[in-house]
Amino acid sequence: KPDKAQRLRSANIARLGGGARLLLRAGNAWAQANLEVNTPAVAALQSSMQKRHAALASFYGNGAVGLTRDGFVALRDANAVPLAQRQQVNGLVAAENQDRSALYREIARANSKPEWENDIRTTFAQRWIDKAQGGWYYQNNAGAWTRK
């Protein structure tokens, strides 16, 4: 049975959108994390990720790359990538994960709460999955790959 923090996190994930906020447990009180902070570092990371998305989209579409339950991407099926492109895809996945990690860290830092990084990553993991196109793969809570 989910505890109160998990239920609140799930409720907040469901309402993510413009001006998204996440309620986080901070000691004995609840605090809001602004997930839409717009610092120069966040903007640069988002731009980098958006440019890379065009290169990754076909690999999401054919099931080679999937969204992980911990907010990253993974090469799910190397056989779906022609041998000549595998090094390129591995590089795209590594760069995407590096930017995602930096994004979670920067959002936590911009909220002056670096200790919230894991909760922010968990929230974004669900956000990425919710926004994924039909046919893309993602990891469910048990870690099994599921097609949306």
C-alpha atoms as a PDB file:
ATOM      1  CA  LYS A   1       0.000   0.000   0.000  1.00  0.00           C
ATOM      2  CA  PRO A   2       1.482   3.394  -0.964  1.00  0.00           C
ATOM      3  CA  ASP A   3       2.298   5.750   1.886  1.00  0.00           C
ATOM      4  CA  LYS A   4       1.042   9.341   2.043  1.00  0.00           C
ATOM      5  CA  ALA A   5       4.132  10.715   0.259  1.00  0.00           C
ATOM      6  CA  GLN A   6       3.718   8.261  -2.623  1.00  0.00           C
ATOM      7  CA  ARG A   7       0.007   9.087  -2.949  1.00  0.00           C
ATOM      8  CA  LEU A   8       0.707  12.820  -2.975  1.00  0.00           C
ATOM      9  CA  ARG A   9       3.532  12.364  -5.485  1.00  0.00           C
ATOM     10  CA  SER A  10       1.219  10.371  -7.747  1.00  0.00           C
ATOM     11  CA  ALA A  11      -1.473  13.033  -7.468  1.00  0.00           C
ATOM     12  CA  ASN A  12       1.039  15.735  -8.358  1.00  0.00           C
ATOM     13  CA  ILE A  13       2.384  13.741 -11.292  1.00  0.00           C
ATOM     14  CA  ALA A  14      -1.147  13.530 -12.662  1.00  0.00           C
ATOM     15  CA  ARG A  15      -1.488  17.320 -12.673  1.00  0.00           C
ATOM     16  CA  LEU A  16       1.889  18.178 -14.202  1.00  0.00           C
ATOM     17  CA  GLY A  17       1.782  20.753 -16.913  1.00  0.00           C
ATOM     18  CA  GLY A  18       2.498  24.446 -17.194  1.00  0.00           C
ATOM     19  CA  GLY A  19       3.862  25.814 -13.957  1.00  0.00           C
ATOM     20  CA  ALA A  20       4.189  22.288 -12.591  1.00  0.00           C
ATOM     21  CA  ARG A  21       4.925  21.900  -8.923  1.00  0.00           C
ATOM     22  CA  LEU A  22       5.632  18.856  -6.833  1.00  0.00           C
ATOM     23  CA  LEU A  23       4.889  18.510  -3.138  1.00  0.00           C
ATOM     24  CA  LEU A  24       7.884  17.096  -1.306  1.00  0.00           C
ATOM     25  CA  ARG A  25       8.334  16.087   2.295  1.00  0.00           C
ATOM     26  CA  ALA A  26      10.808  18.436   3.954  1.00  0.00           C
ATOM     27  CA  GLY A  27      11.310  17.392   7.546  1.00  0.00           C
ATOM     28  CA  ASN A  28       7.943  17.711   9.273  1.00  0.00           C
ATOM     29  CA  ALA A  29       6.444  19.972   6.602  1.00  0.00           C
ATOM     30  CA  TRP A  30       5.437  19.766   2.946  1.00  0.00           C
ATOM     31  CA  ALA A  31       7.156  22.039   0.466  1.00  0.00           C
ATOM     32  CA  GLN A  32       6.609  22.730  -3.210  1.00  0.00           C
ATOM     33  CA  ALA A  33       9.295  22.215  -5.830  1.00  0.00           C
ATOM     34  CA  ASN A  34       8.909  24.298  -8.973  1.00  0.00           C
ATOM     35  CA  LEU A  35       9.578  21.885 -11.840  1.00  0.00           C
ATOM     36  CA  GLU A  36       9.348  24.628 -14.465  1.00  0.00           C
ATOM     37  CA  VAL A  37      12.229  26.776 -13.260  1.00  0.00           C
ATOM     38  CA  ASN A  38      13.879  28.645 -16.100  1.00  0.00           C
ATOM     39  CA  THR A  39      17.525  29.166 -15.339  1.00  0.00           C
ATOM     40  CA  PRO A  40      20.128  29.516 -18.116  1.00  0.00           C
ATOM     41  CA  ALA A  41      21.426  26.032 -17.235  1.00  0.00           C
ATOM     42  CA  VAL A  42      17.941  24.465 -17.431  1.00  0.00           C
ATOM     43  CA  ALA A  43      17.255  26.234 -20.744  1.00  0.00           C
ATOM     44  CA  ALA A  44      20.554  24.994 -22.215  1.00  0.00           C
ATOM     45  CA  LEU A  45      19.854  21.421 -21.116  1.00  0.00           C
ATOM     46  CA  GLN A  46      16.316  21.509 -22.484  1.00  0.00           C
ATOM     47  CA  SER A  47      17.584  22.867 -25.811  1.00  0.00           C
ATOM     48  CA  SER A  48      20.221  20.155 -26.050  1.00  0.00           C
ATOM     49  CA  MET A  49      17.658  17.468 -25.253  1.00  0.00           C
ATOM     50  CA  GLN A  50      15.154  18.866 -27.749  1.00  0.00           C
ATOM     51  CA  LYS A  51      17.730  18.816 -30.553  1.00  0.00           C
ATOM     52  CA  ARG A  52      18.715  15.244 -29.687  1.00  0.00           C
ATOM     53  CA  HIS A  53      15.103  14.114 -29.562  1.00  0.00           C
ATOM     54  CA  ALA A  54      14.827  14.335 -33.346  1.00  0.00           C
ATOM     55  CA  ALA A  55      17.713  11.862 -33.673  1.00  0.00           C
ATOM     56  CA  LEU A  56      16.258   9.529 -31.020  1.00  0.00           C
ATOM     57  CA  ALA A  57      12.600   9.598 -32.152  1.00  0.00           C
ATOM     58  CA  SER A  58      12.910   6.846 -34.755  1.00  0.00           C
ATOM     59  CA  PHE A  59      14.686   4.621 -32.216  1.00  0.00           C
ATOM     60  CA  TYR A  60      11.898   5.165 -29.689  1.00  0.00           C
ATOM     61  CA  GLY A  61       9.461   4.353 -32.483  1.00  0.00           C
ATOM     62  CA  ASN A  62      11.069   1.066 -33.513  1.00  0.00           C
ATOM     63  CA  GLY A  63      11.540  -0.057 -29.900  1.00  0.00           C
ATOM     64  CA  ALA A  64      15.319   0.088 -29.893  1.00  0.00           C
ATOM     65  CA  VAL A  65      15.362   2.771 -27.195  1.00  0.00           C
ATOM     66  CA  GLY A  66      12.986   2.966 -24.247  1.00  0.00           C
ATOM     67  CA  LEU A  67      12.233   5.134 -21.244  1.00  0.00           C
ATOM     68  CA  THR A  68      13.448   3.731 -17.947  1.00  0.00           C
ATOM     69  CA  ARG A  69      11.486   3.852 -14.706  1.00  0.00           C
ATOM     70  CA  ASP A  70      14.224   5.970 -13.132  1.00  0.00           C
ATOM     71  CA  GLY A  71      13.988   8.911 -15.541  1.00  0.00           C
ATOM     72  CA  PHE A  72      16.573   7.937 -18.124  1.00  0.00           C
ATOM     73  CA  VAL A  73      16.650   6.229 -21.520  1.00  0.00           C
ATOM     74  CA  ALA A  74      18.205   2.887 -22.415  1.00  0.00           C
ATOM     75  CA  LEU A  75      19.095   0.874 -25.465  1.00  0.00           C
ATOM     76  CA  ARG A  76      16.331  -1.685 -25.068  1.00  0.00           C
ATOM     77  CA  ASP A  77      16.854  -3.781 -28.205  1.00  0.00           C
ATOM     78  CA  ALA A  78      20.239  -3.487 -29.905  1.00  0.00           C
ATOM     79  CA  ASN A  79      19.023  -5.809 -32.677  1.00  0.00           C
ATOM     80  CA  ALA A  80      16.564  -3.092 -33.762  1.00  0.00           C
ATOM     81  CA  VAL A  81      19.529  -0.850 -34.621  1.00  0.00           C
ATOM     82  CA  PRO A  82      21.609  -1.567 -37.727  1.00  0.00           C
ATOM     83  CA  LEU A  83      25.149  -2.473 -36.704  1.00  0.00           C
ATOM     84  CA  ALA A  84      26.532   0.588 -38.488  1.00  0.00           C
ATOM     85  CA  GLN A  85      24.359   2.869 -36.269  1.00  0.00           C
ATOM     86  CA  ARG A  86      24.828   1.241 -32.864  1.00  0.00           C
ATOM     87  CA  GLN A  87      27.768   3.378 -31.831  1.00  0.00           C
ATOM     88  CA  GLN A  88      25.815   6.506 -32.783  1.00  0.00           C
ATOM     89  CA  VAL A  89      22.731   5.350 -30.834  1.00  0.00           C
ATOM     90  CA  ASN A  90      24.824   4.460 -27.792  1.00  0.00           C
ATOM     91  CA  GLY A  91      26.315   7.960 -27.953  1.00  0.00           C
ATOM     92  CA  LEU A  92      22.867   9.553 -28.203  1.00  0.00           C
ATOM     93  CA  VAL A  93      21.618   7.522 -25.222  1.00  0.00           C
ATOM     94  CA  ALA A  94      24.687   8.431 -23.137  1.00  0.00           C
ATOM     95  CA  ALA A  95      24.372  12.136 -23.988  1.00  0.00           C
ATOM     96  CA  GLU A  96      20.635  12.113 -23.249  1.00  0.00           C
ATOM     97  CA  ASN A  97      21.191  10.474 -19.861  1.00  0.00           C
ATOM     98  CA  GLN A  98      23.948  12.924 -19.013  1.00  0.00           C
ATOM     99  CA  ASP A  99      21.641  15.854 -19.802  1.00  0.00           C
ATOM    100  CA  ARG A 100      18.712  14.313 -17.908  1.00  0.00           C
ATOM    101  CA  SER A 101      20.872  13.789 -14.840  1.00  0.00           C
ATOM    102  CA  ALA A 102      22.109  17.377 -15.040  1.00  0.00           C
ATOM    103  CA  LEU A 103      18.524  18.627 -15.535  1.00  0.00           C
ATOM    104  CA  TYR A 104      17.264  16.897 -12.386  1.00  0.00           C
ATOM    105  CA  ARG A 105      20.238  18.188 -10.410  1.00  0.00           C
ATOM    106  CA  GLU A 106      19.820  21.749 -11.749  1.00  0.00           C
ATOM    107  CA  ILE A 107      16.080  21.864 -10.993  1.00  0.00           C
ATOM    108  CA  ALA A 108      16.777  20.723  -7.428  1.00  0.00           C
ATOM    109  CA  ARG A 109      19.551  23.298  -7.126  1.00  0.00           C
ATOM    110  CA  ALA A 110      17.343  26.073  -8.567  1.00  0.00           C
ATOM    111  CA  ASN A 111      14.783  25.239  -5.874  1.00  0.00           C
ATOM    112  CA  SER A 112      17.604  25.565  -3.292  1.00  0.00           C
ATOM    113  CA  LYS A 113      16.973  21.947  -2.304  1.00  0.00           C
ATOM    114  CA  PRO A 114      19.639  19.636  -3.796  1.00  0.00           C
ATOM    115  CA  GLU A 115      18.318  16.857  -1.555  1.00  0.00           C
ATOM    116  CA  TRP A 116      15.131  16.798  -3.678  1.00  0.00           C
ATOM    117  CA  GLU A 117      16.974  15.525  -6.766  1.00  0.00           C
ATOM    118  CA  ASN A 118      15.747  11.925  -6.402  1.00  0.00           C
ATOM    119  CA  ASP A 119      12.107  12.992  -5.982  1.00  0.00           C
ATOM    120  CA  ILE A 120      12.405  15.283  -8.994  1.00  0.00           C
ATOM    121  CA  ARG A 121      13.923  12.451 -11.046  1.00  0.00           C
ATOM    122  CA  THR A 122      11.070  10.124 -10.008  1.00  0.00           C
ATOM    123  CA  THR A 123       8.504  12.733 -10.990  1.00  0.00           C
ATOM    124  CA  PHE A 124      10.126  13.334 -14.368  1.00  0.00           C
ATOM    125  CA  ALA A 125      10.378   9.588 -15.001  1.00  0.00           C
ATOM    126  CA  GLN A 126       6.592   9.368 -14.799  1.00  0.00           C
ATOM    127  CA  ARG A 127       6.224  12.578 -16.765  1.00  0.00           C
ATOM    128  CA  TRP A 128       8.350  11.243 -19.655  1.00  0.00           C
ATOM    129  CA  ILE A 129       6.344   8.010 -19.709  1.00  0.00           C
ATOM    130  CA  ASP A 130       3.015   9.843 -19.611  1.00  0.00           C
ATOM    131  CA  LYS A 131       4.063  12.011 -22.562  1.00  0.00           C
ATOM    132  CA  ALA A 132       5.505   9.123 -24.615  1.00  0.00           C
ATOM    133  CA  GLN A 133       3.886   8.361 -27.941  1.00  0.00           C
ATOM    134  CA  GLY A 134       1.896   5.208 -28.505  1.00  0.00           C
ATOM    135  CA  GLY A 135       4.163   2.326 -29.487  1.00  0.00           C
ATOM    136  CA  TRP A 136       7.149   3.522 -27.453  1.00  0.00           C
ATOM    137  CA  TYR A 137       8.582   1.268 -24.758  1.00  0.00           C
ATOM    138  CA  TYR A 138       8.954   2.154 -21.105  1.00  0.00           C
ATOM    139  CA  GLN A 139       9.809   0.284 -17.936  1.00  0.00           C
ATOM    140  CA  ASN A 140       6.935  -0.348 -15.558  1.00  0.00           C
ATOM    141  CA  ASN A 141       7.401  -0.138 -11.778  1.00  0.00           C
ATOM    142  CA  ALA A 142       8.735  -3.719 -11.718  1.00  0.00           C
ATOM    143  CA  GLY A 143      11.350  -2.882 -14.365  1.00  0.00           C
ATOM    144  CA  ALA A 144       9.721  -4.876 -17.175  1.00  0.00           C
ATOM    145  CA  TRP A 145       9.572  -3.285 -20.622  1.00  0.00           C
ATOM    146  CA  THR A 146       6.036  -2.384 -21.679  1.00  0.00           C
ATOM    147  CA  ARG A 147       4.789  -0.973 -24.961  1.00  0.00           C
ATOM    148  CA  LYS A 148       2.592   2.094 -24.603  1.00  0.00           C
END
